Every structure is written in C-alpha cells, then in structure tokens.
Amino acid sequence: CGFREFLKLYSYVQFDYPVVVHMDLDSFILKPLDHVFDLMLDPSYDRTRLPVMWQKPNEIPEKVDFVFTRDYGMVEPGVRQPHKVGVQGGFLVVRPSQADFDENIRIILAPGSFEGSDWGGRKKRYGGFYGAGTIQGLASYYYGEIAPNRSVELNRCAYNQMVDNPYGKVPMNATCRTLETQCEDCRKSLVQNIYSAHFTNCGKPFWCPNPAKWWHSEDFHEEQHRLCMDLFREWHSVRYSLEEEWRQRYKRYSPNLSKEELRNDTEGYYLGFSRGH
C-alpha cells in the first residue's frame, strides 16, 4: 500500500466509459454488477433492490458518483467512527470526472492535508489504519468531507467479500467493529449471495492451500474456512473453463492437472489444479 496505490486515481480519467470498476488482481466477480451500474446511470432504478451498508433507499443521493466498501477489519472498535474507516481499495466503482481527479491530486500535494496518519489533520481524523496515507484513507476523506452525498457504501458481505471477522479482538467476539449493536457476520454468508470476493483473509486460490494444514489458528472460524473453500472452488471453476477453452482452441496446449487422487477433498475445491498453476 505504498504511493503507487494512487495509480487507482486514474480510474477518474477513463472517459471512454460512463462507469469504471477498479479491482485488485486477487478479486473475483461471481455475479453481474449491472444493478450497481443502474444505480449510477438510471435515475428510475429501484434503489430498494441494492444491498447497501447504512443508507436507507430515500437517503441514497440522487446522483451517485462513487460506490465502494470499507475495510472495518483494519480498525479496532471505537478507534475511528465507522464513516471514517478506510475505503477498501480493492473494489472501487467510479464515475469518470476530470474535476474529481484534479481535486484529489490537489489534496495530495497540499501542505498539511495529511498530518501524522490522518487526512484532514487531527480534527478530521480520516486515518490511523494500514494504508491510510494512500487511496484507502484519501477516498474516505474525499467523499466524507470534500464531496459528501455523492457516494454509496455497499454491503461488504455481498460485495468485495473478504470473509472477515466482524468483531474486535479485545474482548473477543463482543464488540462489532462497525459499532452496531448487532453486526452481520460475513463469514456465514452463502456463496450464491455474493457478487464479488476479494482474496485477502482467505489467501489466494492460486496458492492451492491444503485445508488440513492451513487455518489452524484459534482466530480462524469454522464458517470462515467453509466460505473460503467455497470461494476457492468458484475461482478454480472459472479457471477450469478457461483451460478447457484453450485446450480446444490450441492443439498443443495441455493443462497442468493433477493425475493423483488428493487427500482432504482438495481435488474437489481446486478441480485438479492443486499440483501447479
């Protein structure tokens, strides 16, 4: 999360497109995001259909220019107010705008705009978490203070799902990181309800981890293990379809599939790819 993260700001100047989706390379689309585009482009879109984090349908801005999720796992409960927690930089949906691009650059270069670990200085306190000095903190500050009422935070269990623990570490499983009385536990989500996933806490599917050896930590929840493996299977299913297409198109191409029966059902999750990638 160094200064190169600011490259994501170039999403604002992709003027060939009405909406730009910027995703990290370890992210994965499971279902179409058309309804997110409709929210930003179609004024008649039924906003009650969109799973959002906080806003009620009548609170969603008439014009939405930025759609995102937050990374609540970066901050212990109470350290920052939920609306000042960092934007998750692996999933950004942006309406291109030269004005927004220029203003973000101005903020980055302005003396005193980032003090200590916070955008807006100690009074505003948009920071205090990993990556705060780059796009995660800047986007939170920009749409919270500079350009308010132009964005929508999506439900993090449905979009950019990271299979994260919603509770603070101390005391364990007592306080929601969002400061809600009751918070949704994304680890219990069903894969069929997820639009996009981000392989952060699970590790990368192309690592092909053996579930018998991984995730023995006491902090790793049983449901977290289940959902991670379900998402791995989905990722490898897409990979398998690509390998099959290449095999049929190119006569000399041979996928690197395992010929041995693997233990612990890794074959079922990785579809034969667990010997190489």
C-alpha atoms as a PDB file:
ATOM      1  CA  CYS A   1       0.000   0.000   0.000  1.00  0.00           C
ATOM      2  CA  GLY A   2       2.713   2.477  -0.934  1.00  0.00           C
ATOM      3  CA  PHE A   3       2.421   5.597  -3.048  1.00  0.00           C
ATOM      4  CA  ARG A   4       1.761   3.506  -6.163  1.00  0.00           C
ATOM      5  CA  GLU A   5      -1.761   2.947  -4.794  1.00  0.00           C
ATOM      6  CA  PHE A   6      -2.520   6.448  -6.085  1.00  0.00           C
ATOM      7  CA  LEU A   7      -2.443   4.965  -9.593  1.00  0.00           C
ATOM      8  CA  LYS A   8      -6.028   3.954  -8.879  1.00  0.00           C
ATOM      9  CA  LEU A   9      -6.987   7.616  -9.204  1.00  0.00           C
ATOM     10  CA  TYR A  10      -6.561   7.228 -12.967  1.00  0.00           C
ATOM     11  CA  SER A  11      -9.933   5.491 -12.916  1.00  0.00           C
ATOM     12  CA  TYR A  12     -11.326   9.031 -12.866  1.00  0.00           C
ATOM     13  CA  VAL A  13      -9.921   9.845 -16.302  1.00  0.00           C
ATOM     14  CA  GLN A  14     -11.105   6.797 -18.272  1.00  0.00           C
ATOM     15  CA  PHE A  15     -13.517   8.942 -20.281  1.00  0.00           C
ATOM     16  CA  ASP A  16     -14.356   6.250 -22.843  1.00  0.00           C
ATOM     17  CA  TYR A  17     -16.617   4.665 -20.212  1.00  0.00           C
ATOM     18  CA  PRO A  18     -19.607   6.000 -18.227  1.00  0.00           C
ATOM     19  CA  VAL A  19     -18.572   3.955 -15.171  1.00  0.00           C
ATOM     20  CA  VAL A  20     -15.226   2.395 -14.260  1.00  0.00           C
ATOM     21  CA  VAL A  21     -14.736  -0.576 -11.918  1.00  0.00           C
ATOM     22  CA  HIS A  22     -11.260  -0.847 -10.425  1.00  0.00           C
ATOM     23  CA  MET A  23     -10.496  -4.182  -8.758  1.00  0.00           C
ATOM     24  CA  ASP A  24      -7.343  -5.701  -7.289  1.00  0.00           C
ATOM     25  CA  LEU A  25      -5.890  -8.702  -9.122  1.00  0.00           C
ATOM     26  CA  ASP A  26      -6.875 -11.008  -6.260  1.00  0.00           C
ATOM     27  CA  SER A  27     -10.541 -10.058  -6.621  1.00  0.00           C
ATOM     28  CA  PHE A  28     -13.204 -12.121  -8.341  1.00  0.00           C
ATOM     29  CA  ILE A  29     -16.661 -11.456  -9.834  1.00  0.00           C
ATOM     30  CA  LEU A  30     -19.277 -14.117  -9.097  1.00  0.00           C
ATOM     31  CA  LYS A  31     -22.448 -12.373 -10.328  1.00  0.00           C
ATOM     32  CA  PRO A  32     -23.150  -9.448 -12.688  1.00  0.00           C
ATOM     33  CA  LEU A  33     -22.890  -5.951 -11.214  1.00  0.00           C
ATOM     34  CA  ASP A  34     -25.499  -4.443 -13.541  1.00  0.00           C
ATOM     35  CA  HIS A  35     -27.615  -3.145 -10.669  1.00  0.00           C
ATOM     36  CA  VAL A  36     -24.633  -1.097  -9.398  1.00  0.00           C
ATOM     37  CA  PHE A  37     -24.302   0.461 -12.857  1.00  0.00           C
ATOM     38  CA  ASP A  38     -28.069   1.056 -12.985  1.00  0.00           C
ATOM     39  CA  LEU A  39     -27.865   2.879  -9.664  1.00  0.00           C
ATOM     40  CA  MET A  40     -25.272   5.259 -11.127  1.00  0.00           C
ATOM     41  CA  LEU A  41     -26.731   5.655 -14.623  1.00  0.00           C
ATOM     42  CA  ASP A  42     -30.501   5.141 -14.430  1.00  0.00           C
ATOM     43  CA  PRO A  43     -32.474   7.668 -12.327  1.00  0.00           C
ATOM     44  CA  SER A  44     -35.525   5.374 -12.396  1.00  0.00           C
ATOM     45  CA  TYR A  45     -33.669   2.430 -10.819  1.00  0.00           C
ATOM     46  CA  ASP A  46     -35.455   0.867  -7.821  1.00  0.00           C
ATOM     47  CA  ARG A  47     -32.994   1.591  -5.010  1.00  0.00           C
ATOM     48  CA  THR A  48     -34.664  -0.787  -2.571  1.00  0.00           C
ATOM     49  CA  ARG A  49     -33.076  -3.663  -4.515  1.00  0.00           C
ATOM     50  CA  LEU A  50     -29.482  -2.716  -3.733  1.00  0.00           C
ATOM     51  CA  PRO A  51     -27.837  -4.250  -0.624  1.00  0.00           C
ATOM     52  CA  VAL A  52     -26.171  -1.236   0.996  1.00  0.00           C
ATOM     53  CA  MET A  53     -24.378  -0.851   4.301  1.00  0.00           C
ATOM     54  CA  TRP A  54     -26.032   2.097   6.031  1.00  0.00           C
ATOM     55  CA  GLN A  55     -28.260   4.253   3.844  1.00  0.00           C
ATOM     56  CA  LYS A  56     -31.997   3.763   3.531  1.00  0.00           C
ATOM     57  CA  PRO A  57     -33.352   3.940  -0.040  1.00  0.00           C
ATOM     58  CA  ASN A  58     -34.573   7.530   0.443  1.00  0.00           C
ATOM     59  CA  GLU A  59     -31.123   8.515   1.769  1.00  0.00           C
ATOM     60  CA  ILE A  60     -29.215   7.426  -1.331  1.00  0.00           C
ATOM     61  CA  PRO A  61     -28.093  10.503  -3.307  1.00  0.00           C
ATOM     62  CA  GLU A  62     -29.948  11.310  -6.498  1.00  0.00           C
ATOM     63  CA  LYS A  63     -26.641  11.230  -8.357  1.00  0.00           C
ATOM     64  CA  VAL A  64     -24.148   8.583  -7.254  1.00  0.00           C
ATOM     65  CA  ASP A  65     -20.573   9.051  -8.423  1.00  0.00           C
ATOM     66  CA  PHE A  66     -18.706   6.586  -6.223  1.00  0.00           C
ATOM     67  CA  VAL A  67     -19.619   3.099  -4.945  1.00  0.00           C
ATOM     68  CA  PHE A  68     -17.382   1.227  -2.504  1.00  0.00           C
ATOM     69  CA  THR A  69     -16.990  -0.944   0.600  1.00  0.00           C
ATOM     70  CA  ARG A  70     -14.997  -0.259   3.780  1.00  0.00           C
ATOM     71  CA  ASP A  71     -12.326  -2.361   5.441  1.00  0.00           C
ATOM     72  CA  TYR A  72     -13.589  -2.418   9.039  1.00  0.00           C
ATOM     73  CA  GLY A  73     -11.079  -5.118   9.922  1.00  0.00           C
ATOM     74  CA  MET A  74      -8.298  -2.516   9.817  1.00  0.00           C
ATOM     75  CA  VAL A  75      -9.582  -0.654  12.881  1.00  0.00           C
ATOM     76  CA  GLU A  76     -10.469  -1.848  16.357  1.00  0.00           C
ATOM     77  CA  PRO A  77     -13.924  -0.781  17.618  1.00  0.00           C
ATOM     78  CA  GLY A  78     -14.036   2.822  18.767  1.00  0.00           C
ATOM     79  CA  VAL A  79     -10.638   3.850  17.379  1.00  0.00           C
ATOM     80  CA  ARG A  80     -12.426   5.593  14.480  1.00  0.00           C
ATOM     81  CA  GLN A  81     -16.069   6.273  13.778  1.00  0.00           C
ATOM     82  CA  PRO A  82     -17.394   3.882  11.116  1.00  0.00           C
ATOM     83  CA  HIS A  83     -17.742   6.605   8.463  1.00  0.00           C
ATOM     84  CA  LYS A  84     -14.039   7.444   8.884  1.00  0.00           C
ATOM     85  CA  VAL A  85     -12.768   3.881   8.467  1.00  0.00           C
ATOM     86  CA  GLY A  86     -10.805   3.405   5.255  1.00  0.00           C
ATOM     87  CA  VAL A  87     -12.372   2.598   1.916  1.00  0.00           C
ATOM     88  CA  GLN A  88     -11.339  -0.895   0.783  1.00  0.00           C
ATOM     89  CA  GLY A  89      -9.020  -0.132  -2.122  1.00  0.00           C
ATOM     90  CA  GLY A  90      -9.586  -3.430  -3.945  1.00  0.00           C
ATOM     91  CA  PHE A  91     -13.088  -2.514  -5.176  1.00  0.00           C
ATOM     92  CA  LEU A  92     -13.859   1.000  -6.426  1.00  0.00           C
ATOM     93  CA  VAL A  93     -16.712   1.929  -8.768  1.00  0.00           C
ATOM     94  CA  VAL A  94     -16.170   5.432 -10.141  1.00  0.00           C
ATOM     95  CA  ARG A  95     -17.889   7.850 -12.465  1.00  0.00           C
ATOM     96  CA  PRO A  96     -15.045   9.401 -14.503  1.00  0.00           C
ATOM     97  CA  SER A  97     -14.516  13.072 -13.741  1.00  0.00           C
ATOM     98  CA  GLN A  98     -11.635  15.388 -14.509  1.00  0.00           C
ATOM     99  CA  ALA A  99     -12.737  17.659 -11.671  1.00  0.00           C
ATOM    100  CA  ASP A 100     -12.593  14.836  -9.096  1.00  0.00           C
ATOM    101  CA  PHE A 101      -9.217  13.692 -10.405  1.00  0.00           C
ATOM    102  CA  ASP A 102      -7.781  17.200 -10.200  1.00  0.00           C
ATOM    103  CA  GLU A 103      -9.152  17.800  -6.709  1.00  0.00           C
ATOM    104  CA  ASN A 104      -7.692  14.564  -5.381  1.00  0.00           C
ATOM    105  CA  ILE A 105      -4.294  15.496  -6.794  1.00  0.00           C
ATOM    106  CA  ARG A 106      -4.583  18.958  -5.227  1.00  0.00           C
ATOM    107  CA  ILE A 107      -5.333  17.405  -1.816  1.00  0.00           C
ATOM    108  CA  ILE A 108      -2.378  15.018  -2.059  1.00  0.00           C
ATOM    109  CA  LEU A 109       0.023  17.842  -2.856  1.00  0.00           C
ATOM    110  CA  ALA A 110      -1.410  20.432  -0.451  1.00  0.00           C
ATOM    111  CA  PRO A 111       0.812  21.087   2.605  1.00  0.00           C
ATOM    112  CA  GLY A 112      -0.786  19.838   5.808  1.00  0.00           C
ATOM    113  CA  SER A 113      -3.563  17.849   4.141  1.00  0.00           C
ATOM    114  CA  PHE A 114      -2.112  14.646   5.656  1.00  0.00           C
ATOM    115  CA  GLU A 115      -0.769  15.008   9.190  1.00  0.00           C
ATOM    116  CA  GLY A 116       0.529  12.147  11.298  1.00  0.00           C
ATOM    117  CA  SER A 117      -1.616   9.314   9.994  1.00  0.00           C
ATOM    118  CA  ASP A 118      -4.759  11.302   9.164  1.00  0.00           C
ATOM    119  CA  TRP A 119      -6.242  13.104   6.169  1.00  0.00           C
ATOM    120  CA  GLY A 120      -7.723  16.396   7.222  1.00  0.00           C
ATOM    121  CA  GLY A 121      -5.399  16.579  10.209  1.00  0.00           C
ATOM    122  CA  ARG A 122      -6.145  15.691  13.805  1.00  0.00           C
ATOM    123  CA  LYS A 123      -9.534  17.423  13.764  1.00  0.00           C
ATOM    124  CA  LYS A 124     -10.989  15.330  10.935  1.00  0.00           C
ATOM    125  CA  ARG A 125      -9.039  12.124  11.679  1.00  0.00           C
ATOM    126  CA  TYR A 126      -9.559  10.130   8.493  1.00  0.00           C
ATOM    127  CA  GLY A 127      -6.751   7.653   9.084  1.00  0.00           C
ATOM    128  CA  GLY A 128      -4.990   5.614  11.720  1.00  0.00           C
ATOM    129  CA  PHE A 129      -5.100   2.331   9.810  1.00  0.00           C
ATOM    130  CA  TYR A 130      -2.985   0.371   7.346  1.00  0.00           C
ATOM    131  CA  GLY A 131      -2.903   2.158   4.001  1.00  0.00           C
ATOM    132  CA  ALA A 132      -4.391   5.360   5.434  1.00  0.00           C
ATOM    133  CA  GLY A 133      -1.818   7.500   3.643  1.00  0.00           C
ATOM    134  CA  THR A 134      -2.881   6.256   0.216  1.00  0.00           C
ATOM    135  CA  ILE A 135      -6.158   5.640  -1.607  1.00  0.00           C
ATOM    136  CA  GLN A 136      -7.958   3.952   1.311  1.00  0.00           C
ATOM    137  CA  GLY A 137      -7.726   6.986   3.567  1.00  0.00           C
ATOM    138  CA  LEU A 138      -7.894   9.590   0.804  1.00  0.00           C
ATOM    139  CA  ALA A 139     -11.153   8.245  -0.671  1.00  0.00           C
ATOM    140  CA  SER A 140     -12.755   8.051   2.766  1.00  0.00           C
ATOM    141  CA  TYR A 141     -11.777  11.666   3.448  1.00  0.00           C
ATOM    142  CA  TYR A 142     -12.726  12.920  -0.014  1.00  0.00           C
ATOM    143  CA  TYR A 143     -16.263  11.534  -0.047  1.00  0.00           C
ATOM    144  CA  GLY A 144     -16.771  12.137   3.648  1.00  0.00           C
ATOM    145  CA  GLU A 145     -15.653  15.778   3.758  1.00  0.00           C
ATOM    146  CA  ILE A 146     -14.831  17.276   0.362  1.00  0.00           C
ATOM    147  CA  ALA A 147     -17.554  15.700  -1.819  1.00  0.00           C
ATOM    148  CA  PRO A 148     -20.259  14.415   0.560  1.00  0.00           C
ATOM    149  CA  ASN A 149     -23.630  12.997  -0.537  1.00  0.00           C
ATOM    150  CA  ARG A 150     -22.256  11.576  -3.762  1.00  0.00           C
ATOM    151  CA  SER A 151     -21.384   8.018  -2.749  1.00  0.00           C
ATOM    152  CA  VAL A 152     -22.908   4.740  -1.593  1.00  0.00           C
ATOM    153  CA  GLU A 153     -21.275   2.162   0.661  1.00  0.00           C
ATOM    154  CA  LEU A 154     -22.301  -1.349  -0.370  1.00  0.00           C
ATOM    155  CA  ASN A 155     -22.872  -4.263   1.975  1.00  0.00           C
ATOM    156  CA  ARG A 156     -19.404  -5.773   2.435  1.00  0.00           C
ATOM    157  CA  CYS A 157     -20.827  -9.301   2.786  1.00  0.00           C
ATOM    158  CA  ALA A 158     -22.289  -9.135  -0.728  1.00  0.00           C
ATOM    159  CA  TYR A 159     -19.630  -7.042  -2.468  1.00  0.00           C
ATOM    160  CA  ASN A 160     -15.866  -7.280  -2.145  1.00  0.00           C
ATOM    161  CA  GLN A 161     -16.476 -10.077   0.365  1.00  0.00           C
ATOM    162  CA  MET A 162     -13.290 -10.736   2.337  1.00  0.00           C
ATOM    163  CA  VAL A 163     -14.602 -13.346   4.809  1.00  0.00           C
ATOM    164  CA  ASP A 164     -13.515 -11.154   7.710  1.00  0.00           C
ATOM    165  CA  ASN A 165     -14.226 -11.270  11.426  1.00  0.00           C
ATOM    166  CA  PRO A 166     -16.738  -8.506  12.271  1.00  0.00           C
ATOM    167  CA  TYR A 167     -15.737  -8.359  15.943  1.00  0.00           C
ATOM    168  CA  GLY A 168     -12.878  -6.626  17.712  1.00  0.00           C
ATOM    169  CA  LYS A 169     -10.015  -8.628  19.181  1.00  0.00           C
ATOM    170  CA  VAL A 170     -10.455  -7.440  22.773  1.00  0.00           C
ATOM    171  CA  PRO A 171     -12.728  -8.637  24.198  1.00  0.00           C
ATOM    172  CA  MET A 172     -13.077 -11.383  21.623  1.00  0.00           C
ATOM    173  CA  ASN A 173     -16.435 -11.558  19.805  1.00  0.00           C
ATOM    174  CA  ALA A 174     -18.007  -8.880  21.975  1.00  0.00           C
ATOM    175  CA  THR A 175     -17.898  -5.581  20.112  1.00  0.00           C
ATOM    176  CA  CYS A 176     -18.753  -5.015  16.456  1.00  0.00           C
ATOM    177  CA  ARG A 177     -16.095  -3.172  14.506  1.00  0.00           C
ATOM    178  CA  THR A 178     -18.908  -1.157  12.929  1.00  0.00           C
ATOM    179  CA  LEU A 179     -20.115  -0.181  16.441  1.00  0.00           C
ATOM    180  CA  GLU A 180     -23.530  -1.676  15.663  1.00  0.00           C
ATOM    181  CA  THR A 181     -25.333  -3.457  18.483  1.00  0.00           C
ATOM    182  CA  GLN A 182     -25.618  -6.486  16.203  1.00  0.00           C
ATOM    183  CA  CYS A 183     -23.470  -6.827  13.107  1.00  0.00           C
ATOM    184  CA  GLU A 184     -23.646  -9.125  10.107  1.00  0.00           C
ATOM    185  CA  ASP A 185     -21.016 -11.856  10.137  1.00  0.00           C
ATOM    186  CA  CYS A 186     -19.727 -12.129   6.566  1.00  0.00           C
ATOM    187  CA  ARG A 187     -18.095 -15.470   7.364  1.00  0.00           C
ATOM    188  CA  LYS A 188     -21.576 -17.027   7.492  1.00  0.00           C
ATOM    189  CA  SER A 189     -22.540 -15.827   4.018  1.00  0.00           C
ATOM    190  CA  LEU A 190     -23.596 -18.263   1.306  1.00  0.00           C
ATOM    191  CA  VAL A 191     -21.571 -18.134  -1.871  1.00  0.00           C
ATOM    192  CA  GLN A 192     -24.719 -17.796  -4.006  1.00  0.00           C
ATOM    193  CA  ASN A 193     -25.454 -14.449  -2.323  1.00  0.00           C
ATOM    194  CA  ILE A 194     -22.038 -12.929  -3.086  1.00  0.00           C
ATOM    195  CA  TYR A 195     -21.480 -10.635  -6.080  1.00  0.00           C
ATOM    196  CA  SER A 196     -17.727 -10.197  -5.753  1.00  0.00           C
ATOM    197  CA  ALA A 197     -15.000 -11.516  -3.478  1.00  0.00           C
ATOM    198  CA  HIS A 198     -11.524 -10.349  -2.523  1.00  0.00           C
ATOM    199  CA  PHE A 199      -8.972 -12.985  -1.505  1.00  0.00           C
ATOM    200  CA  THR A 200      -7.321 -11.251   1.439  1.00  0.00           C
ATOM    201  CA  ASN A 201      -8.070 -13.176   4.638  1.00  0.00           C
ATOM    202  CA  CYS A 202      -8.558 -16.476   2.804  1.00  0.00           C
ATOM    203  CA  GLY A 203      -5.243 -16.343   1.000  1.00  0.00           C
ATOM    204  CA  LYS A 204      -5.009 -16.720  -2.764  1.00  0.00           C
ATOM    205  CA  PRO A 205      -6.817 -19.524  -4.603  1.00  0.00           C
ATOM    206  CA  PHE A 206      -3.837 -19.999  -6.918  1.00  0.00           C
ATOM    207  CA  TRP A 207      -1.762 -20.990  -3.876  1.00  0.00           C
ATOM    208  CA  CYS A 208      -3.944 -24.138  -3.647  1.00  0.00           C
ATOM    209  CA  PRO A 209      -3.570 -24.488   0.142  1.00  0.00           C
ATOM    210  CA  ASN A 210      -4.252 -27.841   1.751  1.00  0.00           C
ATOM    211  CA  PRO A 211      -7.177 -27.313   4.173  1.00  0.00           C
ATOM    212  CA  ALA A 212      -5.722 -29.956   6.503  1.00  0.00           C
ATOM    213  CA  LYS A 213      -2.619 -27.814   7.048  1.00  0.00           C
ATOM    214  CA  TRP A 214      -3.983 -24.286   6.831  1.00  0.00           C
ATOM    215  CA  TRP A 215      -6.034 -22.160   9.189  1.00  0.00           C
ATOM    216  CA  HIS A 216      -5.243 -23.903  12.465  1.00  0.00           C
ATOM    217  CA  SER A 217      -5.244 -20.557  14.257  1.00  0.00           C
ATOM    218  CA  GLU A 218      -7.808 -20.203  17.034  1.00  0.00           C
ATOM    219  CA  ASP A 219      -8.903 -16.985  15.334  1.00  0.00           C
ATOM    220  CA  PHE A 220      -9.886 -18.843  12.160  1.00  0.00           C
ATOM    221  CA  HIS A 221     -13.605 -19.511  12.387  1.00  0.00           C
ATOM    222  CA  GLU A 222     -15.184 -22.731  11.102  1.00  0.00           C
ATOM    223  CA  GLU A 223     -17.538 -20.767   8.855  1.00  0.00           C
ATOM    224  CA  GLN A 224     -14.593 -18.750   7.584  1.00  0.00           C
ATOM    225  CA  HIS A 225     -12.894 -21.969   6.485  1.00  0.00           C
ATOM    226  CA  ARG A 226     -16.075 -23.170   4.758  1.00  0.00           C
ATOM    227  CA  LEU A 227     -16.659 -19.961   2.833  1.00  0.00           C
ATOM    228  CA  CYS A 228     -13.002 -19.591   1.832  1.00  0.00           C
ATOM    229  CA  MET A 229     -13.008 -23.071   0.350  1.00  0.00           C
ATOM    230  CA  ASP A 230     -16.328 -22.442  -1.425  1.00  0.00           C
ATOM    231  CA  LEU A 231     -14.884 -19.284  -2.981  1.00  0.00           C
ATOM    232  CA  PHE A 232     -11.732 -21.166  -3.985  1.00  0.00           C
ATOM    233  CA  ARG A 233     -13.895 -23.691  -5.801  1.00  0.00           C
ATOM    234  CA  GLU A 234     -15.708 -20.917  -7.669  1.00  0.00           C
ATOM    235  CA  TRP A 235     -12.402 -19.320  -8.714  1.00  0.00           C
ATOM    236  CA  HIS A 236     -10.995 -22.635  -9.951  1.00  0.00           C
ATOM    237  CA  SER A 237     -14.224 -23.361 -11.795  1.00  0.00           C
ATOM    238  CA  VAL A 238     -13.668 -20.236 -13.863  1.00  0.00           C
ATOM    239  CA  ARG A 239     -10.021 -21.149 -14.318  1.00  0.00           C
ATOM    240  CA  TYR A 240     -11.030 -24.635 -15.456  1.00  0.00           C
ATOM    241  CA  SER A 241     -13.378 -23.210 -18.092  1.00  0.00           C
ATOM    242  CA  LEU A 242     -10.515 -21.045 -19.413  1.00  0.00           C
ATOM    243  CA  GLU A 243      -8.135 -24.014 -19.508  1.00  0.00           C
ATOM    244  CA  GLU A 244     -10.737 -26.050 -21.395  1.00  0.00           C
ATOM    245  CA  GLU A 245     -11.255 -23.285 -23.927  1.00  0.00           C
ATOM    246  CA  TRP A 246      -7.511 -23.049 -24.525  1.00  0.00           C
ATOM    247  CA  ARG A 247      -7.202 -26.841 -24.780  1.00  0.00           C
ATOM    248  CA  GLN A 248      -9.867 -26.945 -27.501  1.00  0.00           C
ATOM    249  CA  ARG A 249      -8.506 -23.928 -29.357  1.00  0.00           C
ATOM    250  CA  TYR A 250      -4.805 -24.785 -29.240  1.00  0.00           C
ATOM    251  CA  LYS A 251      -3.914 -28.372 -30.109  1.00  0.00           C
ATOM    252  CA  ARG A 252      -0.532 -28.301 -28.361  1.00  0.00           C
ATOM    253  CA  TYR A 253      -1.890 -26.844 -25.107  1.00  0.00           C
ATOM    254  CA  SER A 254      -2.083 -29.227 -22.144  1.00  0.00           C
ATOM    255  CA  PRO A 255      -3.490 -28.019 -18.767  1.00  0.00           C
ATOM    256  CA  ASN A 256      -1.348 -28.795 -15.723  1.00  0.00           C
ATOM    257  CA  LEU A 257      -3.859 -31.052 -13.987  1.00  0.00           C
ATOM    258  CA  SER A 258      -3.156 -33.428 -11.135  1.00  0.00           C
ATOM    259  CA  LYS A 259      -3.251 -37.105 -12.048  1.00  0.00           C
ATOM    260  CA  GLU A 260      -3.357 -38.313  -8.457  1.00  0.00           C
ATOM    261  CA  GLU A 261      -6.235 -38.538  -6.036  1.00  0.00           C
ATOM    262  CA  LEU A 262      -5.539 -35.862  -3.419  1.00  0.00           C
ATOM    263  CA  ARG A 263      -6.447 -36.027   0.247  1.00  0.00           C
ATOM    264  CA  ASN A 264      -8.810 -33.825   2.235  1.00  0.00           C
ATOM    265  CA  ASP A 265     -11.040 -33.038  -0.741  1.00  0.00           C
ATOM    266  CA  THR A 266      -8.572 -30.587  -2.265  1.00  0.00           C
ATOM    267  CA  GLU A 267      -9.384 -32.144  -5.644  1.00  0.00           C
ATOM    268  CA  GLY A 268     -12.996 -31.058  -5.195  1.00  0.00           C
ATOM    269  CA  TYR A 269     -12.032 -27.495  -4.346  1.00  0.00           C
ATOM    270  CA  TYR A 270      -9.214 -26.998  -6.842  1.00  0.00           C
ATOM    271  CA  LEU A 271     -10.611 -29.135  -9.685  1.00  0.00           C
ATOM    272  CA  GLY A 272      -7.311 -30.839 -10.309  1.00  0.00           C
ATOM    273  CA  PHE A 273      -5.095 -27.745 -10.293  1.00  0.00           C
ATOM    274  CA  SER A 274      -3.552 -28.268  -6.883  1.00  0.00           C
ATOM    275  CA  ARG A 275      -0.311 -29.614  -8.369  1.00  0.00           C
ATOM    276  CA  GLY A 276       0.591 -26.394 -10.102  1.00  0.00           C
ATOM    277  CA  HIS A 277      -0.524 -23.087 -11.519  1.00  0.00           C
END
